[in-house]
Amino acid sequence: MMSKTSFSVFSLFVSLCLLEISIAFQFLPQIEGDQINKLIEAKKHVAIFFKTDDCHDCRQKEPIIVKANSLLTENDGITVVAVSDHRIGREFGIYLYPKLLYFRNKVPILYDEKYEPELVSEWLLRNRESFVVHLNDDNCATSKLYIPMWEGMADRLKRKINVATVDLAVSPKLKTRFDVARTPIVYL
């Protein structure tokens, strides 16, 4: 028979184990289909964790994103959600999972650093402001599929070189100015 003290210690141990299990199995809010575009339109800062239900790496990294989200404050204004629909992932150029895509003012930025809670939360906060100059005749954005790559590159190269995109459909005069025969093209 267990003493009251032994039972209390055992109860505390079980409670702590259950708490650890619940923390380990926390999930991000799941959104679907048209909710994604509505969320991106409504919020200035949205991070979407693209995952699949049968992905081992996704199951390992989602708790990291949950922890990173817990490090953010309400004042940071970043909404973090998950999506597990392949069709939606493809709309944003996501073909391999898991991926974290951060939308700042509807512009996507692809996360390509190590998955650690502190690194993810710092990256989200660091990218609240744009580092890419979008050029047009007024002084433009490129294909939706290239923007996350450019934003990620700009984040890594900020204060070292300038990164810019040009949309020739919006700014046809720049085609002549930069002698562009076909797109996409990269000038270094």
N, C-alpha and C. Protein backbone atom coordinates (compact mmCIF):
# COMPACT_ATOMS: atom_id res chain seq x y z
N MET A 1 0.84 -1.18 0.00
CA MET A 1 0.00 0.00 0.00
C MET A 1 0.89 1.25 0.00
N MET A 2 0.49 2.25 -0.76
CA MET A 2 1.26 3.48 -0.89
C MET A 2 0.89 4.45 0.22
N SER A 3 1.89 5.15 0.72
CA SER A 3 1.61 6.19 1.71
C SER A 3 1.06 7.41 0.98
N LYS A 4 0.49 8.34 1.74
CA LYS A 4 -0.06 9.57 1.14
C LYS A 4 1.05 10.36 0.45
N THR A 5 2.23 10.41 1.04
CA THR A 5 3.35 11.14 0.45
C THR A 5 3.79 10.48 -0.86
N SER A 6 3.91 9.17 -0.85
CA SER A 6 4.29 8.44 -2.06
C SER A 6 3.25 8.64 -3.16
N PHE A 7 1.97 8.60 -2.76
CA PHE A 7 0.90 8.80 -3.73
C PHE A 7 0.95 10.21 -4.32
N SER A 8 1.22 11.21 -3.47
CA SER A 8 1.32 12.60 -3.94
C SER A 8 2.47 12.77 -4.91
N VAL A 9 3.62 12.18 -4.59
CA VAL A 9 4.77 12.25 -5.47
C VAL A 9 4.46 11.56 -6.80
N PHE A 10 3.83 10.39 -6.70
CA PHE A 10 3.45 9.66 -7.90
C PHE A 10 2.47 10.47 -8.74
N SER A 11 1.48 11.07 -8.11
CA SER A 11 0.49 11.91 -8.81
C SER A 11 1.16 13.09 -9.49
N LEU A 12 2.09 13.72 -8.79
CA LEU A 12 2.81 14.84 -9.37
C LEU A 12 3.62 14.38 -10.59
N PHE A 13 4.28 13.25 -10.46
CA PHE A 13 5.06 12.69 -11.56
C PHE A 13 4.17 12.43 -12.77
N VAL A 14 3.01 11.80 -12.56
CA VAL A 14 2.08 11.51 -13.66
C VAL A 14 1.58 12.80 -14.28
N SER A 15 1.26 13.79 -13.45
CA SER A 15 0.78 15.08 -13.96
C SER A 15 1.84 15.75 -14.83
N LEU A 16 3.10 15.73 -14.36
CA LEU A 16 4.18 16.32 -15.15
C LEU A 16 4.40 15.58 -16.46
N CYS A 17 4.30 14.26 -16.42
CA CYS A 17 4.42 13.46 -17.65
C CYS A 17 3.31 13.81 -18.63
N LEU A 18 2.10 13.92 -18.13
CA LEU A 18 0.96 14.26 -19.00
C LEU A 18 1.12 15.67 -19.57
N LEU A 19 1.64 16.60 -18.75
CA LEU A 19 1.88 17.95 -19.24
C LEU A 19 2.92 17.93 -20.36
N GLU A 20 4.01 17.19 -20.16
CA GLU A 20 5.05 17.07 -21.19
C GLU A 20 4.48 16.47 -22.47
N ILE A 21 3.65 15.45 -22.33
CA ILE A 21 3.04 14.82 -23.50
C ILE A 21 2.15 15.81 -24.23
N SER A 22 1.35 16.58 -23.49
CA SER A 22 0.45 17.54 -24.15
C SER A 22 1.23 18.64 -24.84
N ILE A 23 2.35 19.08 -24.22
CA ILE A 23 3.19 20.10 -24.87
C ILE A 23 3.83 19.52 -26.13
N ALA A 24 4.31 18.29 -26.03
CA ALA A 24 4.98 17.66 -27.16
C ALA A 24 4.03 17.43 -28.33
N PHE A 25 2.75 17.28 -28.05
CA PHE A 25 1.79 16.99 -29.11
C PHE A 25 0.90 18.17 -29.43
N GLN A 26 1.34 19.37 -29.12
CA GLN A 26 0.57 20.55 -29.48
C GLN A 26 0.63 20.72 -30.99
N PHE A 27 -0.46 21.23 -31.52
CA PHE A 27 -0.53 21.45 -32.96
C PHE A 27 -0.92 22.89 -33.22
N LEU A 28 -0.55 23.37 -34.38
CA LEU A 28 -0.95 24.70 -34.82
C LEU A 28 -2.41 24.67 -35.27
N PRO A 29 -3.10 25.81 -35.20
CA PRO A 29 -4.45 25.86 -35.76
C PRO A 29 -4.41 25.50 -37.24
N GLN A 30 -5.28 24.62 -37.66
CA GLN A 30 -5.33 24.15 -39.05
C GLN A 30 -6.34 24.99 -39.82
N ILE A 31 -5.96 25.49 -41.00
CA ILE A 31 -6.91 26.20 -41.84
C ILE A 31 -6.96 25.53 -43.21
N GLU A 32 -8.02 25.78 -43.93
CA GLU A 32 -8.26 25.11 -45.21
C GLU A 32 -8.61 26.12 -46.30
N GLY A 33 -8.44 25.69 -47.53
CA GLY A 33 -8.89 26.36 -48.74
C GLY A 33 -8.99 27.87 -48.73
N ASP A 34 -10.21 28.37 -48.89
CA ASP A 34 -10.42 29.81 -49.02
C ASP A 34 -10.10 30.58 -47.75
N GLN A 35 -9.99 29.90 -46.62
CA GLN A 35 -9.62 30.57 -45.37
C GLN A 35 -8.22 31.17 -45.45
N ILE A 36 -7.35 30.52 -46.21
CA ILE A 36 -5.96 30.98 -46.30
C ILE A 36 -5.89 32.36 -46.95
N ASN A 37 -6.51 32.49 -48.12
CA ASN A 37 -6.48 33.79 -48.81
C ASN A 37 -7.17 34.87 -47.99
N LYS A 38 -8.26 34.53 -47.31
CA LYS A 38 -8.94 35.50 -46.45
C LYS A 38 -8.04 35.94 -45.31
N LEU A 39 -7.33 34.99 -44.72
CA LEU A 39 -6.43 35.30 -43.62
C LEU A 39 -5.28 36.19 -44.09
N ILE A 40 -4.70 35.86 -45.24
CA ILE A 40 -3.59 36.66 -45.78
C ILE A 40 -4.06 38.07 -46.12
N GLU A 41 -5.30 38.19 -46.63
CA GLU A 41 -5.86 39.51 -46.94
C GLU A 41 -6.14 40.31 -45.68
N ALA A 42 -6.63 39.63 -44.63
CA ALA A 42 -7.07 40.32 -43.41
C ALA A 42 -5.92 40.69 -42.48
N LYS A 43 -4.86 39.90 -42.46
CA LYS A 43 -3.77 40.11 -41.50
C LYS A 43 -2.52 40.60 -42.20
N LYS A 44 -1.79 41.45 -41.54
CA LYS A 44 -0.55 42.00 -42.09
C LYS A 44 0.60 40.99 -42.03
N HIS A 45 0.60 40.14 -40.99
CA HIS A 45 1.68 39.17 -40.79
C HIS A 45 1.10 37.78 -40.51
N VAL A 46 1.32 36.84 -41.45
CA VAL A 46 0.80 35.47 -41.33
C VAL A 46 1.93 34.49 -41.66
N ALA A 47 2.15 33.53 -40.77
CA ALA A 47 3.10 32.46 -41.03
C ALA A 47 2.30 31.18 -41.22
N ILE A 48 2.56 30.47 -42.32
CA ILE A 48 1.84 29.23 -42.62
C ILE A 48 2.84 28.09 -42.67
N PHE A 49 2.59 27.09 -41.84
CA PHE A 49 3.42 25.88 -41.81
C PHE A 49 2.74 24.86 -42.72
N PHE A 50 3.35 24.58 -43.88
CA PHE A 50 2.81 23.61 -44.83
C PHE A 50 3.32 22.23 -44.45
N LYS A 51 2.40 21.30 -44.28
CA LYS A 51 2.75 19.95 -43.83
C LYS A 51 1.85 18.94 -44.53
N THR A 52 2.18 17.68 -44.37
CA THR A 52 1.30 16.61 -44.82
C THR A 52 1.08 15.66 -43.65
N ASP A 53 -0.02 14.96 -43.68
CA ASP A 53 -0.37 14.06 -42.58
C ASP A 53 0.56 12.86 -42.49
N ASP A 54 1.16 12.46 -43.61
CA ASP A 54 2.00 11.26 -43.61
C ASP A 54 3.50 11.59 -43.60
N CYS A 55 3.86 12.78 -43.18
CA CYS A 55 5.26 13.24 -43.21
C CYS A 55 5.87 13.20 -41.82
N HIS A 56 6.87 12.34 -41.64
CA HIS A 56 7.55 12.21 -40.35
C HIS A 56 8.25 13.52 -39.96
N ASP A 57 8.93 14.14 -40.92
CA ASP A 57 9.63 15.39 -40.67
C ASP A 57 8.66 16.51 -40.26
N CYS A 58 7.46 16.49 -40.85
CA CYS A 58 6.44 17.48 -40.50
C CYS A 58 6.03 17.32 -39.04
N ARG A 59 5.83 16.08 -38.61
CA ARG A 59 5.43 15.82 -37.22
C ARG A 59 6.52 16.23 -36.24
N GLN A 60 7.78 16.14 -36.66
CA GLN A 60 8.88 16.55 -35.79
C GLN A 60 9.01 18.07 -35.72
N LYS A 61 8.73 18.74 -36.82
CA LYS A 61 8.96 20.19 -36.88
C LYS A 61 7.77 21.02 -36.41
N GLU A 62 6.56 20.47 -36.46
CA GLU A 62 5.41 21.26 -36.02
C GLU A 62 5.52 21.70 -34.56
N PRO A 63 5.93 20.83 -33.62
CA PRO A 63 6.10 21.30 -32.24
C PRO A 63 7.14 22.42 -32.12
N ILE A 64 8.12 22.44 -32.99
CA ILE A 64 9.12 23.51 -33.00
C ILE A 64 8.46 24.82 -33.39
N ILE A 65 7.59 24.77 -34.39
CA ILE A 65 6.87 25.97 -34.82
C ILE A 65 5.91 26.41 -33.72
N VAL A 66 5.27 25.46 -33.05
CA VAL A 66 4.38 25.78 -31.92
C VAL A 66 5.17 26.52 -30.84
N LYS A 67 6.36 26.01 -30.52
CA LYS A 67 7.20 26.65 -29.50
C LYS A 67 7.65 28.03 -29.97
N ALA A 68 8.03 28.15 -31.23
CA ALA A 68 8.43 29.45 -31.77
C ALA A 68 7.28 30.44 -31.66
N ASN A 69 6.07 29.98 -31.95
CA ASN A 69 4.89 30.82 -31.85
C ASN A 69 4.67 31.27 -30.41
N SER A 70 4.95 30.38 -29.45
CA SER A 70 4.76 30.74 -28.04
C SER A 70 5.78 31.79 -27.58
N LEU A 71 6.91 31.90 -28.29
CA LEU A 71 7.91 32.91 -27.95
C LEU A 71 7.52 34.30 -28.44
N LEU A 72 6.58 34.36 -29.38
CA LEU A 72 6.10 35.64 -29.89
C LEU A 72 5.08 36.22 -28.92
N THR A 73 4.97 37.52 -28.89
CA THR A 73 3.96 38.15 -28.05
C THR A 73 2.78 38.57 -28.91
N GLU A 74 1.67 38.87 -28.25
CA GLU A 74 0.50 39.33 -28.99
C GLU A 74 0.80 40.63 -29.73
N ASN A 75 1.67 41.44 -29.14
CA ASN A 75 2.04 42.71 -29.76
C ASN A 75 2.82 42.53 -31.06
N ASP A 76 3.43 41.36 -31.24
CA ASP A 76 4.16 41.11 -32.49
C ASP A 76 3.20 41.02 -33.67
N GLY A 77 1.96 40.63 -33.42
CA GLY A 77 0.93 40.62 -34.45
C GLY A 77 1.13 39.60 -35.55
N ILE A 78 1.77 38.48 -35.25
CA ILE A 78 2.02 37.45 -36.25
C ILE A 78 1.08 36.28 -35.98
N THR A 79 0.25 35.94 -36.95
CA THR A 79 -0.66 34.80 -36.86
C THR A 79 0.05 33.59 -37.46
N VAL A 80 0.11 32.49 -36.70
CA VAL A 80 0.80 31.27 -37.16
C VAL A 80 -0.22 30.14 -37.25
N VAL A 81 -0.33 29.54 -38.44
CA VAL A 81 -1.29 28.46 -38.69
C VAL A 81 -0.62 27.35 -39.50
N ALA A 82 -1.34 26.24 -39.68
CA ALA A 82 -0.84 25.12 -40.47
C ALA A 82 -1.83 24.79 -41.59
N VAL A 83 -1.28 24.23 -42.67
CA VAL A 83 -2.07 23.79 -43.82
C VAL A 83 -1.54 22.42 -44.24
N SER A 84 -2.44 21.48 -44.48
CA SER A 84 -1.99 20.15 -44.91
C SER A 84 -2.61 19.75 -46.25
N ASP A 85 -3.01 20.72 -47.05
CA ASP A 85 -3.61 20.47 -48.36
C ASP A 85 -2.55 20.68 -49.45
N HIS A 86 -2.19 19.61 -50.17
CA HIS A 86 -1.18 19.68 -51.22
C HIS A 86 -1.52 20.71 -52.30
N ARG A 87 -2.80 20.80 -52.65
CA ARG A 87 -3.21 21.73 -53.71
C ARG A 87 -2.89 23.17 -53.32
N ILE A 88 -3.13 23.50 -52.07
CA ILE A 88 -2.83 24.85 -51.61
C ILE A 88 -1.33 25.08 -51.59
N GLY A 89 -0.59 24.08 -51.14
CA GLY A 89 0.87 24.19 -51.15
C GLY A 89 1.39 24.48 -52.55
N ARG A 90 0.87 23.77 -53.55
CA ARG A 90 1.32 23.97 -54.93
C ARG A 90 1.02 25.39 -55.41
N GLU A 91 -0.10 25.96 -54.97
CA GLU A 91 -0.43 27.35 -55.36
C GLU A 91 0.66 28.32 -54.94
N PHE A 92 1.36 27.98 -53.86
CA PHE A 92 2.41 28.85 -53.35
C PHE A 92 3.81 28.33 -53.68
N GLY A 93 3.89 27.36 -54.60
CA GLY A 93 5.19 26.83 -55.01
C GLY A 93 5.80 25.85 -54.03
N ILE A 94 4.98 25.28 -53.14
CA ILE A 94 5.46 24.31 -52.16
C ILE A 94 5.23 22.90 -52.71
N TYR A 95 6.32 22.16 -52.91
CA TYR A 95 6.23 20.80 -53.42
C TYR A 95 6.88 19.79 -52.47
N LEU A 96 7.76 20.26 -51.61
CA LEU A 96 8.40 19.41 -50.61
C LEU A 96 7.98 19.90 -49.23
N TYR A 97 7.77 18.96 -48.33
CA TYR A 97 7.27 19.31 -47.01
C TYR A 97 8.22 18.84 -45.92
N PRO A 98 8.24 19.50 -44.79
CA PRO A 98 7.48 20.69 -44.40
C PRO A 98 8.16 21.97 -44.90
N LYS A 99 7.37 23.02 -44.98
CA LYS A 99 7.87 24.35 -45.34
C LYS A 99 7.13 25.39 -44.51
N LEU A 100 7.85 26.44 -44.17
CA LEU A 100 7.26 27.57 -43.46
C LEU A 100 7.31 28.77 -44.39
N LEU A 101 6.16 29.35 -44.64
CA LEU A 101 6.05 30.51 -45.52
C LEU A 101 5.45 31.65 -44.69
N TYR A 102 6.12 32.77 -44.70
CA TYR A 102 5.69 33.94 -43.92
C TYR A 102 5.19 35.01 -44.87
N PHE A 103 3.97 35.47 -44.66
CA PHE A 103 3.38 36.51 -45.50
C PHE A 103 3.43 37.83 -44.76
N ARG A 104 4.19 38.76 -45.33
CA ARG A 104 4.27 40.11 -44.79
C ARG A 104 3.59 41.02 -45.81
N ASN A 105 2.48 41.59 -45.42
CA ASN A 105 1.70 42.43 -46.34
C ASN A 105 1.41 41.68 -47.65
N LYS A 106 1.03 40.42 -47.53
CA LYS A 106 0.66 39.53 -48.64
C LYS A 106 1.85 39.05 -49.47
N VAL A 107 3.08 39.42 -49.12
CA VAL A 107 4.28 38.99 -49.84
C VAL A 107 4.88 37.80 -49.10
N PRO A 108 5.01 36.64 -49.78
CA PRO A 108 5.53 35.45 -49.10
C PRO A 108 7.06 35.44 -49.02
N ILE A 109 7.55 34.90 -47.89
CA ILE A 109 8.98 34.73 -47.67
C ILE A 109 9.18 33.29 -47.21
N LEU A 110 10.07 32.56 -47.84
CA LEU A 110 10.31 31.16 -47.52
C LEU A 110 11.38 31.02 -46.45
N TYR A 111 11.08 30.27 -45.40
CA TYR A 111 12.04 30.00 -44.33
C TYR A 111 12.96 28.87 -44.78
N ASP A 112 14.27 29.09 -44.70
CA ASP A 112 15.20 28.04 -45.11
C ASP A 112 16.37 27.91 -44.14
N GLU A 113 16.11 28.19 -42.88
CA GLU A 113 17.14 28.05 -41.87
C GLU A 113 16.84 26.81 -41.02
N LYS A 114 17.67 26.57 -40.02
CA LYS A 114 17.49 25.43 -39.13
C LYS A 114 16.20 25.59 -38.32
N TYR A 115 15.50 24.48 -38.12
CA TYR A 115 14.26 24.51 -37.35
C TYR A 115 14.56 24.40 -35.86
N GLU A 116 14.69 25.55 -35.22
CA GLU A 116 14.81 25.67 -33.77
C GLU A 116 13.89 26.79 -33.35
N PRO A 117 13.17 26.64 -32.24
CA PRO A 117 12.17 27.64 -31.85
C PRO A 117 12.70 29.08 -31.83
N GLU A 118 13.86 29.29 -31.23
CA GLU A 118 14.40 30.64 -31.12
C GLU A 118 14.76 31.21 -32.50
N LEU A 119 15.33 30.37 -33.36
CA LEU A 119 15.70 30.83 -34.70
C LEU A 119 14.46 31.19 -35.52
N VAL A 120 13.43 30.35 -35.43
CA VAL A 120 12.20 30.61 -36.18
C VAL A 120 11.54 31.90 -35.70
N SER A 121 11.41 32.07 -34.39
CA SER A 121 10.75 33.28 -33.88
C SER A 121 11.57 34.53 -34.21
N GLU A 122 12.90 34.45 -34.11
CA GLU A 122 13.74 35.59 -34.47
C GLU A 122 13.60 35.93 -35.94
N TRP A 123 13.54 34.89 -36.79
CA TRP A 123 13.39 35.09 -38.23
C TRP A 123 12.06 35.78 -38.54
N LEU A 124 10.99 35.32 -37.88
CA LEU A 124 9.68 35.93 -38.10
C LEU A 124 9.72 37.41 -37.72
N LEU A 125 10.29 37.71 -36.57
CA LEU A 125 10.36 39.11 -36.12
C LEU A 125 11.26 39.95 -37.02
N ARG A 126 12.36 39.37 -37.45
CA ARG A 126 13.32 40.09 -38.30
C ARG A 126 12.70 40.45 -39.66
N ASN A 127 11.79 39.60 -40.12
CA ASN A 127 11.22 39.81 -41.45
C ASN A 127 9.89 40.56 -41.44
N ARG A 128 9.61 41.24 -40.35
CA ARG A 128 8.40 42.08 -40.31
C ARG A 128 8.51 43.24 -41.30
N GLU A 129 9.74 43.62 -41.66
CA GLU A 129 9.98 44.68 -42.63
C GLU A 129 10.64 44.10 -43.87
N SER A 130 10.38 44.67 -45.04
CA SER A 130 10.91 44.16 -46.30
C SER A 130 12.36 44.59 -46.51
N PHE A 131 13.12 43.69 -47.16
CA PHE A 131 14.49 43.99 -47.53
C PHE A 131 14.67 43.99 -49.05
N VAL A 132 13.59 43.74 -49.80
CA VAL A 132 13.65 43.73 -51.26
C VAL A 132 13.06 45.03 -51.78
N VAL A 133 13.75 45.64 -52.72
CA VAL A 133 13.23 46.83 -53.38
C VAL A 133 12.49 46.36 -54.63
N HIS A 134 11.22 46.70 -54.73
CA HIS A 134 10.43 46.33 -55.91
C HIS A 134 10.43 47.52 -56.86
N LEU A 135 11.00 47.31 -58.06
CA LEU A 135 11.14 48.40 -59.02
C LEU A 135 9.97 48.44 -60.00
N ASN A 136 9.52 49.63 -60.31
CA ASN A 136 8.56 49.85 -61.39
C ASN A 136 8.86 51.21 -61.99
N ASP A 137 8.05 51.64 -62.94
CA ASP A 137 8.35 52.92 -63.60
C ASP A 137 8.35 54.08 -62.61
N ASP A 138 7.55 53.97 -61.54
CA ASP A 138 7.50 55.02 -60.54
C ASP A 138 8.61 54.88 -59.51
N ASN A 139 9.03 53.90 -59.25
CA ASN A 139 10.07 53.85 -58.22
C ASN A 139 9.95 54.71 -57.08
N CYS A 140 8.39 46.34 -58.37
CA CYS A 140 7.47 45.56 -59.13
C CYS A 140 7.67 44.17 -58.70
N ALA A 141 6.96 43.55 -58.63
CA ALA A 141 7.07 42.19 -58.14
C ALA A 141 7.21 41.23 -59.31
N THR A 142 7.83 40.12 -59.14
CA THR A 142 8.02 39.10 -60.16
C THR A 142 7.00 38.00 -59.96
N SER A 143 7.18 36.88 -60.63
CA SER A 143 6.27 35.74 -60.51
C SER A 143 6.06 35.37 -59.05
N LYS A 144 4.83 34.97 -58.71
CA LYS A 144 4.50 34.57 -57.34
C LYS A 144 5.44 33.48 -56.82
N LEU A 145 5.94 32.66 -57.72
CA LEU A 145 6.78 31.55 -57.30
C LEU A 145 8.20 31.99 -56.94
N TYR A 146 8.65 33.14 -57.46
CA TYR A 146 10.00 33.59 -57.18
C TYR A 146 10.09 34.50 -55.96
N ILE A 147 9.01 35.14 -55.58
CA ILE A 147 9.04 36.11 -54.49
C ILE A 147 9.56 35.49 -53.19
N PRO A 148 9.09 34.29 -52.78
CA PRO A 148 9.63 33.75 -51.52
C PRO A 148 11.15 33.56 -51.55
N MET A 149 11.66 33.14 -52.71
CA MET A 149 13.10 32.93 -52.84
C MET A 149 13.84 34.27 -52.74
N TRP A 150 13.33 35.30 -53.43
CA TRP A 150 13.98 36.61 -53.39
C TRP A 150 13.96 37.19 -51.98
N GLU A 151 12.82 37.06 -51.31
CA GLU A 151 12.72 37.61 -49.96
C GLU A 151 13.68 36.89 -49.02
N GLY A 152 13.77 35.56 -49.15
CA GLY A 152 14.70 34.81 -48.31
C GLY A 152 16.14 35.21 -48.58
N MET A 153 16.47 35.40 -49.86
CA MET A 153 17.82 35.82 -50.22
C MET A 153 18.10 37.23 -49.69
N ALA A 154 17.12 38.11 -49.81
CA ALA A 154 17.31 39.47 -49.32
C ALA A 154 17.54 39.48 -47.81
N ASP A 155 16.86 38.60 -47.09
CA ASP A 155 17.05 38.51 -45.65
C ASP A 155 18.49 38.14 -45.32
N ARG A 156 19.03 37.18 -46.06
CA ARG A 156 20.41 36.73 -45.80
C ARG A 156 21.46 37.76 -46.23
N LEU A 157 21.14 38.55 -47.25
CA LEU A 157 22.13 39.47 -47.81
C LEU A 157 21.93 40.92 -47.40
N LYS A 158 20.94 41.19 -46.55
CA LYS A 158 20.67 42.58 -46.20
C LYS A 158 21.92 43.26 -45.67
N ARG A 159 22.03 44.51 -46.00
CA ARG A 159 23.17 45.34 -45.64
C ARG A 159 24.47 44.91 -46.35
N LYS A 160 24.41 43.93 -47.27
CA LYS A 160 25.59 43.51 -48.03
C LYS A 160 25.45 43.90 -49.49
N ILE A 161 24.31 43.54 -50.11
CA ILE A 161 24.01 43.94 -51.48
C ILE A 161 22.52 44.26 -51.57
N ASN A 162 22.14 44.96 -52.63
CA ASN A 162 20.73 45.26 -52.85
C ASN A 162 20.10 44.16 -53.68
N VAL A 163 18.88 43.79 -53.32
CA VAL A 163 18.12 42.79 -54.06
C VAL A 163 16.85 43.46 -54.55
N ALA A 164 16.55 43.30 -55.82
CA ALA A 164 15.36 43.94 -56.39
C ALA A 164 14.70 43.01 -57.39
N THR A 165 13.41 43.22 -57.62
CA THR A 165 12.67 42.48 -58.64
C THR A 165 12.02 43.50 -59.57
N VAL A 166 11.77 43.07 -60.80
CA VAL A 166 11.12 43.93 -61.79
C VAL A 166 10.04 43.12 -62.48
N ASP A 167 8.86 43.67 -62.58
CA ASP A 167 7.75 43.05 -63.31
C ASP A 167 7.60 43.81 -64.62
N LEU A 168 8.01 43.19 -65.72
CA LEU A 168 8.00 43.87 -67.01
C LEU A 168 6.59 44.14 -67.53
N ALA A 169 5.62 43.36 -67.08
CA ALA A 169 4.24 43.61 -67.48
C ALA A 169 3.74 44.92 -66.88
N VAL A 170 4.20 45.22 -65.69
CA VAL A 170 3.81 46.45 -65.01
C VAL A 170 4.68 47.61 -65.46
N SER A 171 5.95 47.33 -65.75
CA SER A 171 6.92 48.38 -66.08
C SER A 171 7.66 48.04 -67.38
N PRO A 172 6.99 48.12 -68.53
CA PRO A 172 7.61 47.71 -69.79
C PRO A 172 8.84 48.54 -70.18
N LYS A 173 8.93 49.77 -69.72
CA LYS A 173 10.08 50.61 -70.04
C LYS A 173 11.38 50.04 -69.45
N LEU A 174 11.25 49.30 -68.36
CA LEU A 174 12.44 48.73 -67.73
C LEU A 174 13.06 47.61 -68.57
N LYS A 175 12.27 47.02 -69.48
CA LYS A 175 12.78 45.98 -70.37
C LYS A 175 13.90 46.57 -71.24
N THR A 176 13.67 47.74 -71.76
CA THR A 176 14.67 48.42 -72.57
C THR A 176 15.82 48.94 -71.70
N ARG A 177 15.46 49.54 -70.59
CA ARG A 177 16.47 50.15 -69.70
C ARG A 177 17.51 49.13 -69.23
N PHE A 178 17.05 47.90 -68.90
CA PHE A 178 17.96 46.87 -68.40
C PHE A 178 18.32 45.83 -69.47
N ASP A 179 17.90 46.06 -70.73
CA ASP A 179 18.22 45.18 -71.85
C ASP A 179 17.82 43.73 -71.55
N VAL A 180 16.55 43.54 -71.22
CA VAL A 180 16.03 42.22 -70.87
C VAL A 180 15.37 41.61 -72.11
N ALA A 181 15.89 40.46 -72.56
CA ALA A 181 15.34 39.77 -73.73
C ALA A 181 14.29 38.74 -73.31
N ARG A 182 14.53 38.06 -72.18
CA ARG A 182 13.58 37.06 -71.67
C ARG A 182 13.64 37.04 -70.14
N THR A 183 12.62 36.49 -69.54
CA THR A 183 12.59 36.42 -68.09
C THR A 183 12.33 35.00 -67.65
N PRO A 184 12.68 34.59 -66.46
CA PRO A 184 13.35 35.43 -65.46
C PRO A 184 14.82 35.59 -65.77
N ILE A 185 15.41 36.63 -65.26
CA ILE A 185 16.84 36.89 -65.43
C ILE A 185 17.38 37.48 -64.13
N VAL A 186 18.62 37.19 -63.83
CA VAL A 186 19.26 37.69 -62.61
C VAL A 186 20.50 38.46 -63.03
N TYR A 187 20.61 39.69 -62.52
CA TYR A 187 21.81 40.49 -62.73
C TYR A 187 22.56 40.59 -61.42
N LEU A 188 23.85 40.35 -61.45
CA LEU A 188 24.67 40.50 -60.25
C LEU A 188 25.65 41.63 -60.45
